[in-house]
Amino acid sequence: MAVKVTTKWLGDMRFESTNPSGHNLFIDAGEDNGGKGEGYRPKALMLSGLAGCSGLDVAALIKKMKLNVADFKIEIEANLTEEHPKHYDKVAMHFHFYGDDLNEKKLQRAVDLSVDKYCGVMEMFRQFSELDIKTHFHNTKVDFFPVQ
């Protein structure tokens, strides 16, 4: 299946990129690199793509497994090499799940399925980065006794 993206130069360091979904996004360099900071940075956009790919997998599995999750987020921190072409050589990806009744075993299974089987962006990152993936569970139920 072919995927087509068209990216048009808007002048200076700014571009507009189309997406097969019909949505557009803007790409721009920071002021320190001749841009105005009016768009996504390409390398950071790759990290958003990684989080989005895995996040979609996990969200679908949460629904399929009928898991009770109040919220979840994915935080990524990546190390950019110093030499050109600069690329991410180490990526730490942290999944955070929040809820009163988290099924940690099934949620970990959902993360593992995304990481090991479903997320194609993850597979691309494996070609050039060392990945460190962790899962965190946050019980949002507050147990306390009021002072009388």
N, C-alpha and C. Protein backbone atom coordinates (compact mmCIF):
# COMPACT_ATOMS: atom_id res chain seq x y z
N MET A 1 0.85 -1.18 0.00
CA MET A 1 0.00 0.00 0.00
C MET A 1 0.89 1.24 0.00
N ALA A 2 0.72 2.08 -0.95
CA ALA A 2 1.49 3.32 -1.05
C ALA A 2 0.84 4.42 -0.21
N VAL A 3 1.65 5.21 0.42
CA VAL A 3 1.19 6.35 1.20
C VAL A 3 1.83 7.59 0.60
N LYS A 4 1.03 8.62 0.39
CA LYS A 4 1.55 9.84 -0.21
C LYS A 4 1.39 11.01 0.75
N VAL A 5 2.48 11.72 0.94
CA VAL A 5 2.52 12.95 1.72
C VAL A 5 3.17 14.00 0.84
N THR A 6 2.57 15.19 0.79
CA THR A 6 3.16 16.29 0.02
C THR A 6 3.52 17.40 0.99
N THR A 7 4.74 17.87 0.91
CA THR A 7 5.22 18.92 1.79
C THR A 7 5.66 20.10 0.94
N LYS A 8 5.02 21.26 1.17
CA LYS A 8 5.23 22.45 0.35
C LYS A 8 5.96 23.53 1.16
N TRP A 9 6.98 24.09 0.55
CA TRP A 9 7.73 25.18 1.16
C TRP A 9 6.89 26.44 1.18
N LEU A 10 6.80 27.09 2.34
CA LEU A 10 6.03 28.32 2.50
C LEU A 10 6.93 29.54 2.65
N GLY A 11 8.21 29.37 2.42
CA GLY A 11 9.16 30.47 2.58
C GLY A 11 9.92 30.34 3.88
N ASP A 12 11.03 31.01 3.95
CA ASP A 12 11.93 30.92 5.11
C ASP A 12 12.19 29.44 5.42
N MET A 13 11.91 29.02 6.65
CA MET A 13 12.14 27.64 7.06
C MET A 13 10.83 26.91 7.36
N ARG A 14 9.73 27.40 6.78
CA ARG A 14 8.40 26.89 7.10
C ARG A 14 7.86 26.05 5.95
N PHE A 15 7.22 24.93 6.30
CA PHE A 15 6.60 24.02 5.34
C PHE A 15 5.21 23.64 5.81
N GLU A 16 4.35 23.29 4.85
CA GLU A 16 3.04 22.71 5.16
C GLU A 16 3.02 21.31 4.56
N SER A 17 2.65 20.34 5.38
CA SER A 17 2.67 18.96 4.94
C SER A 17 1.26 18.37 5.00
N THR A 18 0.84 17.76 3.90
CA THR A 18 -0.46 17.10 3.87
C THR A 18 -0.31 15.69 4.41
N ASN A 19 -1.42 15.12 4.80
CA ASN A 19 -1.44 13.79 5.38
C ASN A 19 -2.54 13.00 4.69
N PRO A 20 -2.39 11.70 4.54
CA PRO A 20 -3.45 10.91 3.88
C PRO A 20 -4.81 11.03 4.56
N SER A 21 -4.86 11.44 5.83
CA SER A 21 -6.14 11.61 6.51
C SER A 21 -6.83 12.91 6.11
N GLY A 22 -6.11 13.77 5.38
CA GLY A 22 -6.70 15.04 4.97
C GLY A 22 -6.34 16.19 5.88
N HIS A 23 -5.60 15.92 6.93
CA HIS A 23 -5.19 16.98 7.85
C HIS A 23 -3.80 17.48 7.47
N ASN A 24 -3.57 18.75 7.70
CA ASN A 24 -2.27 19.35 7.40
C ASN A 24 -1.56 19.71 8.69
N LEU A 25 -0.25 19.76 8.61
CA LEU A 25 0.53 20.24 9.74
C LEU A 25 1.65 21.12 9.22
N PHE A 26 2.14 21.97 10.10
CA PHE A 26 3.20 22.90 9.72
C PHE A 26 4.51 22.48 10.37
N ILE A 27 5.57 22.62 9.63
CA ILE A 27 6.92 22.30 10.08
C ILE A 27 7.74 23.58 9.98
N ASP A 28 8.50 23.88 11.03
CA ASP A 28 9.32 25.08 11.02
C ASP A 28 10.53 24.85 11.92
N ALA A 29 11.59 25.52 11.61
CA ALA A 29 12.78 25.48 12.46
C ALA A 29 12.60 26.49 13.59
N GLY A 30 13.38 26.30 14.64
CA GLY A 30 13.38 27.26 15.73
C GLY A 30 14.13 28.52 15.33
N GLU A 31 13.98 29.57 16.10
CA GLU A 31 14.63 30.85 15.80
C GLU A 31 16.14 30.72 15.72
N ASP A 32 16.71 29.82 16.51
CA ASP A 32 18.16 29.62 16.49
C ASP A 32 18.64 28.97 15.20
N ASN A 33 17.72 28.44 14.39
CA ASN A 33 18.07 27.83 13.10
C ASN A 33 17.41 28.54 11.92
N GLY A 34 17.06 29.79 12.10
CA GLY A 34 16.52 30.58 11.00
C GLY A 34 15.01 30.51 10.81
N GLY A 35 14.31 29.83 11.69
CA GLY A 35 12.86 29.75 11.58
C GLY A 35 12.18 30.68 12.57
N LYS A 36 10.87 30.56 12.65
CA LYS A 36 10.10 31.38 13.58
C LYS A 36 9.41 30.53 14.65
N GLY A 37 9.67 29.22 14.63
CA GLY A 37 9.07 28.34 15.62
C GLY A 37 7.57 28.20 15.47
N GLU A 38 7.07 28.30 14.23
CA GLU A 38 5.63 28.26 13.98
C GLU A 38 5.15 26.89 13.50
N GLY A 39 5.84 25.86 13.91
CA GLY A 39 5.42 24.52 13.51
C GLY A 39 6.21 23.47 14.26
N TYR A 40 5.91 22.23 13.91
CA TYR A 40 6.59 21.10 14.53
C TYR A 40 8.03 21.01 14.04
N ARG A 41 8.91 20.53 14.89
CA ARG A 41 10.27 20.22 14.48
C ARG A 41 10.25 18.79 13.95
N PRO A 42 10.90 18.51 12.86
CA PRO A 42 10.83 17.18 12.25
C PRO A 42 11.23 16.02 13.16
N LYS A 43 12.30 16.17 13.89
CA LYS A 43 12.74 15.05 14.74
C LYS A 43 11.76 14.83 15.90
N ALA A 44 11.26 15.90 16.50
CA ALA A 44 10.27 15.76 17.57
C ALA A 44 8.98 15.15 17.03
N LEU A 45 8.66 15.48 15.80
CA LEU A 45 7.47 14.91 15.15
C LEU A 45 7.59 13.39 15.04
N MET A 46 8.82 12.91 14.83
CA MET A 46 9.04 11.45 14.80
C MET A 46 8.67 10.83 16.14
N LEU A 47 9.03 11.50 17.24
CA LEU A 47 8.70 10.98 18.57
C LEU A 47 7.19 11.00 18.80
N SER A 48 6.53 12.04 18.32
CA SER A 48 5.07 12.08 18.41
C SER A 48 4.45 10.95 17.61
N GLY A 49 5.04 10.66 16.45
CA GLY A 49 4.56 9.55 15.62
C GLY A 49 4.72 8.22 16.34
N LEU A 50 5.84 8.04 17.04
CA LEU A 50 6.06 6.82 17.80
C LEU A 50 5.03 6.68 18.91
N ALA A 51 4.82 7.75 19.67
CA ALA A 51 3.84 7.72 20.76
C ALA A 51 2.43 7.51 20.21
N GLY A 52 2.12 8.17 19.11
CA GLY A 52 0.79 8.03 18.53
C GLY A 52 0.52 6.63 18.01
N CYS A 53 1.50 6.04 17.36
CA CYS A 53 1.36 4.69 16.82
C CYS A 53 1.10 3.69 17.95
N SER A 54 1.93 3.73 18.95
CA SER A 54 1.78 2.79 20.06
C SER A 54 0.53 3.12 20.88
N GLY A 55 0.24 4.40 21.04
CA GLY A 55 -0.95 4.81 21.78
C GLY A 55 -2.23 4.32 21.14
N LEU A 56 -2.30 4.39 19.81
CA LEU A 56 -3.48 3.88 19.11
C LEU A 56 -3.64 2.38 19.31
N ASP A 57 -2.52 1.66 19.26
CA ASP A 57 -2.57 0.21 19.52
C ASP A 57 -3.12 -0.06 20.91
N VAL A 58 -2.55 0.59 21.90
CA VAL A 58 -2.93 0.35 23.29
C VAL A 58 -4.39 0.75 23.53
N ALA A 59 -4.82 1.88 22.97
CA ALA A 59 -6.21 2.31 23.13
C ALA A 59 -7.17 1.28 22.53
N ALA A 60 -6.82 0.74 21.36
CA ALA A 60 -7.67 -0.29 20.74
C ALA A 60 -7.72 -1.55 21.60
N LEU A 61 -6.59 -1.92 22.19
CA LEU A 61 -6.55 -3.10 23.04
C LEU A 61 -7.29 -2.89 24.35
N ILE A 62 -7.23 -1.68 24.90
CA ILE A 62 -8.00 -1.36 26.11
C ILE A 62 -9.49 -1.57 25.82
N LYS A 63 -9.92 -1.09 24.67
CA LYS A 63 -11.33 -1.25 24.30
C LYS A 63 -11.67 -2.72 24.07
N LYS A 64 -10.82 -3.42 23.34
CA LYS A 64 -11.07 -4.84 23.03
C LYS A 64 -11.09 -5.69 24.30
N MET A 65 -10.18 -5.42 25.23
CA MET A 65 -10.09 -6.18 26.48
C MET A 65 -11.08 -5.69 27.53
N LYS A 66 -11.81 -4.60 27.22
CA LYS A 66 -12.80 -4.01 28.12
C LYS A 66 -12.17 -3.67 29.48
N LEU A 67 -11.04 -2.98 29.40
CA LEU A 67 -10.32 -2.60 30.62
C LEU A 67 -10.81 -1.25 31.14
N ASN A 68 -10.76 -1.10 32.43
CA ASN A 68 -11.19 0.13 33.08
C ASN A 68 -9.97 1.02 33.29
N VAL A 69 -9.82 2.01 32.42
CA VAL A 69 -8.70 2.96 32.50
C VAL A 69 -9.27 4.37 32.45
N ALA A 70 -8.99 5.17 33.45
CA ALA A 70 -9.49 6.54 33.47
C ALA A 70 -8.72 7.40 32.47
N ASP A 71 -7.40 7.16 32.36
CA ASP A 71 -6.57 7.97 31.48
C ASP A 71 -5.24 7.27 31.28
N PHE A 72 -4.58 7.59 30.20
CA PHE A 72 -3.20 7.17 30.05
C PHE A 72 -2.45 8.15 29.18
N LYS A 73 -1.13 8.19 29.40
CA LYS A 73 -0.29 9.06 28.60
C LYS A 73 1.03 8.35 28.33
N ILE A 74 1.72 8.83 27.31
CA ILE A 74 3.00 8.28 26.95
C ILE A 74 4.00 9.43 26.95
N GLU A 75 5.06 9.28 27.72
CA GLU A 75 6.12 10.27 27.76
C GLU A 75 7.36 9.67 27.10
N ILE A 76 7.98 10.46 26.24
CA ILE A 76 9.17 10.00 25.54
C ILE A 76 10.29 11.01 25.76
N GLU A 77 11.45 10.47 26.07
CA GLU A 77 12.65 11.29 26.17
C GLU A 77 13.70 10.61 25.28
N ALA A 78 14.32 11.38 24.40
CA ALA A 78 15.26 10.80 23.45
C ALA A 78 16.58 11.55 23.45
N ASN A 79 17.64 10.83 23.21
CA ASN A 79 18.97 11.42 23.12
C ASN A 79 19.32 11.63 21.65
N LEU A 80 19.67 12.86 21.31
CA LEU A 80 20.05 13.22 19.95
C LEU A 80 21.57 13.20 19.86
N THR A 81 22.10 12.52 18.87
CA THR A 81 23.55 12.46 18.71
C THR A 81 24.11 13.84 18.39
N GLU A 82 25.39 14.05 18.65
CA GLU A 82 26.03 15.34 18.41
C GLU A 82 26.50 15.50 16.97
N GLU A 83 26.86 14.39 16.33
CA GLU A 83 27.42 14.45 14.99
C GLU A 83 26.35 14.29 13.91
N HIS A 84 26.58 14.91 12.79
CA HIS A 84 25.67 14.83 11.64
C HIS A 84 25.83 13.51 10.91
N PRO A 85 24.79 12.92 10.41
CA PRO A 85 23.41 13.36 10.57
C PRO A 85 22.92 13.05 11.99
N LYS A 86 22.45 14.07 12.68
CA LYS A 86 21.98 13.90 14.05
C LYS A 86 20.73 13.03 14.04
N HIS A 87 20.73 12.06 14.94
CA HIS A 87 19.58 11.16 15.03
C HIS A 87 19.42 10.71 16.48
N TYR A 88 18.30 10.10 16.78
CA TYR A 88 18.05 9.58 18.12
C TYR A 88 18.73 8.22 18.25
N ASP A 89 19.67 8.12 19.18
CA ASP A 89 20.32 6.83 19.39
C ASP A 89 19.78 6.10 20.62
N LYS A 90 19.11 6.83 21.52
CA LYS A 90 18.49 6.23 22.70
C LYS A 90 17.13 6.87 22.92
N VAL A 91 16.12 6.03 23.10
CA VAL A 91 14.76 6.52 23.31
C VAL A 91 14.17 5.82 24.53
N ALA A 92 13.73 6.60 25.51
CA ALA A 92 13.03 6.08 26.69
C ALA A 92 11.55 6.41 26.53
N MET A 93 10.72 5.40 26.61
CA MET A 93 9.28 5.55 26.40
C MET A 93 8.57 5.03 27.65
N HIS A 94 7.79 5.91 28.28
CA HIS A 94 7.11 5.55 29.53
C HIS A 94 5.60 5.64 29.34
N PHE A 95 4.93 4.54 29.58
CA PHE A 95 3.47 4.47 29.53
C PHE A 95 2.96 4.68 30.95
N HIS A 96 2.04 5.62 31.13
CA HIS A 96 1.45 5.89 32.44
C HIS A 96 -0.05 5.64 32.36
N PHE A 97 -0.55 4.74 33.21
CA PHE A 97 -1.98 4.42 33.26
C PHE A 97 -2.54 4.88 34.59
N TYR A 98 -3.75 5.47 34.53
CA TYR A 98 -4.41 6.02 35.70
C TYR A 98 -5.80 5.40 35.82
N GLY A 99 -6.19 5.07 37.05
CA GLY A 99 -7.53 4.55 37.26
C GLY A 99 -7.69 3.96 38.65
N ASP A 100 -8.95 3.71 39.01
CA ASP A 100 -9.27 3.15 40.33
C ASP A 100 -9.13 1.64 40.35
N ASP A 101 -9.27 1.01 39.18
CA ASP A 101 -9.32 -0.46 39.12
C ASP A 101 -8.51 -0.94 37.93
N LEU A 102 -7.20 -0.69 37.95
CA LEU A 102 -6.35 -1.04 36.81
C LEU A 102 -6.01 -2.53 36.85
N ASN A 103 -6.19 -3.18 35.72
CA ASN A 103 -5.75 -4.56 35.57
C ASN A 103 -4.33 -4.50 35.00
N GLU A 104 -3.36 -4.47 35.89
CA GLU A 104 -1.97 -4.24 35.49
C GLU A 104 -1.46 -5.31 34.54
N LYS A 105 -1.84 -6.54 34.77
CA LYS A 105 -1.36 -7.64 33.92
C LYS A 105 -1.85 -7.47 32.48
N LYS A 106 -3.13 -7.16 32.31
CA LYS A 106 -3.68 -7.00 30.96
C LYS A 106 -3.17 -5.72 30.30
N LEU A 107 -3.00 -4.66 31.07
CA LEU A 107 -2.46 -3.43 30.50
C LEU A 107 -1.02 -3.63 30.05
N GLN A 108 -0.24 -4.35 30.84
CA GLN A 108 1.12 -4.65 30.43
C GLN A 108 1.12 -5.49 29.15
N ARG A 109 0.18 -6.40 29.04
CA ARG A 109 0.05 -7.23 27.83
C ARG A 109 -0.26 -6.33 26.63
N ALA A 110 -1.13 -5.34 26.81
CA ALA A 110 -1.46 -4.41 25.72
C ALA A 110 -0.23 -3.64 25.27
N VAL A 111 0.56 -3.16 26.22
CA VAL A 111 1.79 -2.44 25.89
C VAL A 111 2.76 -3.38 25.16
N ASP A 112 2.92 -4.59 25.68
CA ASP A 112 3.84 -5.55 25.07
C ASP A 112 3.43 -5.89 23.64
N LEU A 113 2.13 -6.05 23.40
CA LEU A 113 1.66 -6.35 22.04
C LEU A 113 1.98 -5.21 21.09
N SER A 114 1.78 -3.99 21.54
CA SER A 114 2.10 -2.84 20.70
C SER A 114 3.59 -2.79 20.41
N VAL A 115 4.39 -2.90 21.45
CA VAL A 115 5.84 -2.78 21.33
C VAL A 115 6.44 -3.90 20.48
N ASP A 116 5.98 -5.12 20.70
CA ASP A 116 6.60 -6.28 20.07
C ASP A 116 5.96 -6.74 18.76
N LYS A 117 4.70 -6.33 18.53
CA LYS A 117 3.99 -6.90 17.39
C LYS A 117 3.34 -5.89 16.45
N TYR A 118 2.63 -4.91 16.99
CA TYR A 118 1.76 -4.09 16.15
C TYR A 118 2.33 -2.76 15.67
N CYS A 119 3.11 -2.07 16.47
CA CYS A 119 3.51 -0.70 16.13
C CYS A 119 4.65 -0.69 15.11
N GLY A 120 4.33 -0.33 13.88
CA GLY A 120 5.32 -0.26 12.82
C GLY A 120 6.34 0.84 13.02
N VAL A 121 5.93 1.93 13.64
CA VAL A 121 6.88 3.02 13.91
C VAL A 121 7.92 2.54 14.92
N MET A 122 7.49 1.73 15.87
CA MET A 122 8.42 1.15 16.84
C MET A 122 9.47 0.31 16.12
N GLU A 123 9.03 -0.46 15.16
CA GLU A 123 9.96 -1.30 14.39
C GLU A 123 10.96 -0.45 13.62
N MET A 124 10.50 0.67 13.08
CA MET A 124 11.42 1.58 12.38
C MET A 124 12.45 2.14 13.35
N PHE A 125 12.00 2.55 14.55
CA PHE A 125 12.93 3.10 15.54
C PHE A 125 13.98 2.08 15.96
N ARG A 126 13.60 0.81 16.00
CA ARG A 126 14.55 -0.24 16.38
C ARG A 126 15.76 -0.30 15.44
N GLN A 127 15.60 0.21 14.23
CA GLN A 127 16.68 0.16 13.25
C GLN A 127 17.81 1.12 13.57
N PHE A 128 17.54 2.15 14.39
CA PHE A 128 18.58 3.14 14.66
C PHE A 128 18.67 3.58 16.11
N SER A 129 17.80 3.06 16.98
CA SER A 129 17.79 3.50 18.37
C SER A 129 17.77 2.33 19.34
N GLU A 130 18.34 2.60 20.50
CA GLU A 130 18.19 1.69 21.63
C GLU A 130 16.92 2.12 22.36
N LEU A 131 15.98 1.21 22.55
CA LEU A 131 14.69 1.55 23.17
C LEU A 131 14.63 1.04 24.60
N ASP A 132 14.13 1.89 25.48
CA ASP A 132 13.91 1.53 26.89
C ASP A 132 12.44 1.84 27.18
N ILE A 133 11.65 0.80 27.38
CA ILE A 133 10.20 0.98 27.53
C ILE A 133 9.78 0.53 28.91
N LYS A 134 9.06 1.40 29.61
CA LYS A 134 8.60 1.10 30.96
C LYS A 134 7.10 1.42 31.07
N THR A 135 6.44 0.70 31.96
CA THR A 135 5.02 0.91 32.21
C THR A 135 4.83 1.28 33.67
N HIS A 136 4.01 2.30 33.91
CA HIS A 136 3.74 2.78 35.27
C HIS A 136 2.24 2.78 35.50
N PHE A 137 1.83 2.32 36.69
CA PHE A 137 0.42 2.27 37.05
C PHE A 137 0.18 3.20 38.22
N HIS A 138 -0.84 4.06 38.08
CA HIS A 138 -1.16 5.05 39.09
C HIS A 138 -2.60 4.83 39.55
N ASN A 139 -2.76 4.35 40.78
CA ASN A 139 -4.08 4.15 41.35
C ASN A 139 -4.61 5.51 41.78
N THR A 140 -5.69 5.93 41.15
CA THR A 140 -6.23 7.26 41.45
C THR A 140 -7.25 7.25 42.57
N LYS A 141 -7.53 6.07 43.11
CA LYS A 141 -8.48 5.98 44.22
C LYS A 141 -7.79 6.54 45.46
N VAL A 142 -8.45 7.46 46.10
CA VAL A 142 -7.89 8.07 47.30
C VAL A 142 -8.58 7.48 48.51
N ASP A 143 -7.80 6.87 49.36
CA ASP A 143 -8.35 6.30 50.60
C ASP A 143 -7.88 7.18 51.76
N PHE A 144 -8.80 7.77 52.45
CA PHE A 144 -8.45 8.57 53.61
C PHE A 144 -9.61 8.59 54.57
N PHE A 145 -9.29 8.91 55.78
CA PHE A 145 -10.31 9.02 56.81
C PHE A 145 -10.37 10.47 57.24
N PRO A 146 -11.55 11.08 57.15
CA PRO A 146 -11.65 12.50 57.54
C PRO A 146 -11.37 12.69 59.03
N VAL A 147 -10.72 13.79 59.32
CA VAL A 147 -10.43 14.12 60.72
C VAL A 147 -11.70 14.62 61.36
N GLN A 148 -11.99 14.12 62.58
CA GLN A 148 -13.22 14.55 63.25
C GLN A 148 -12.94 15.33 64.50
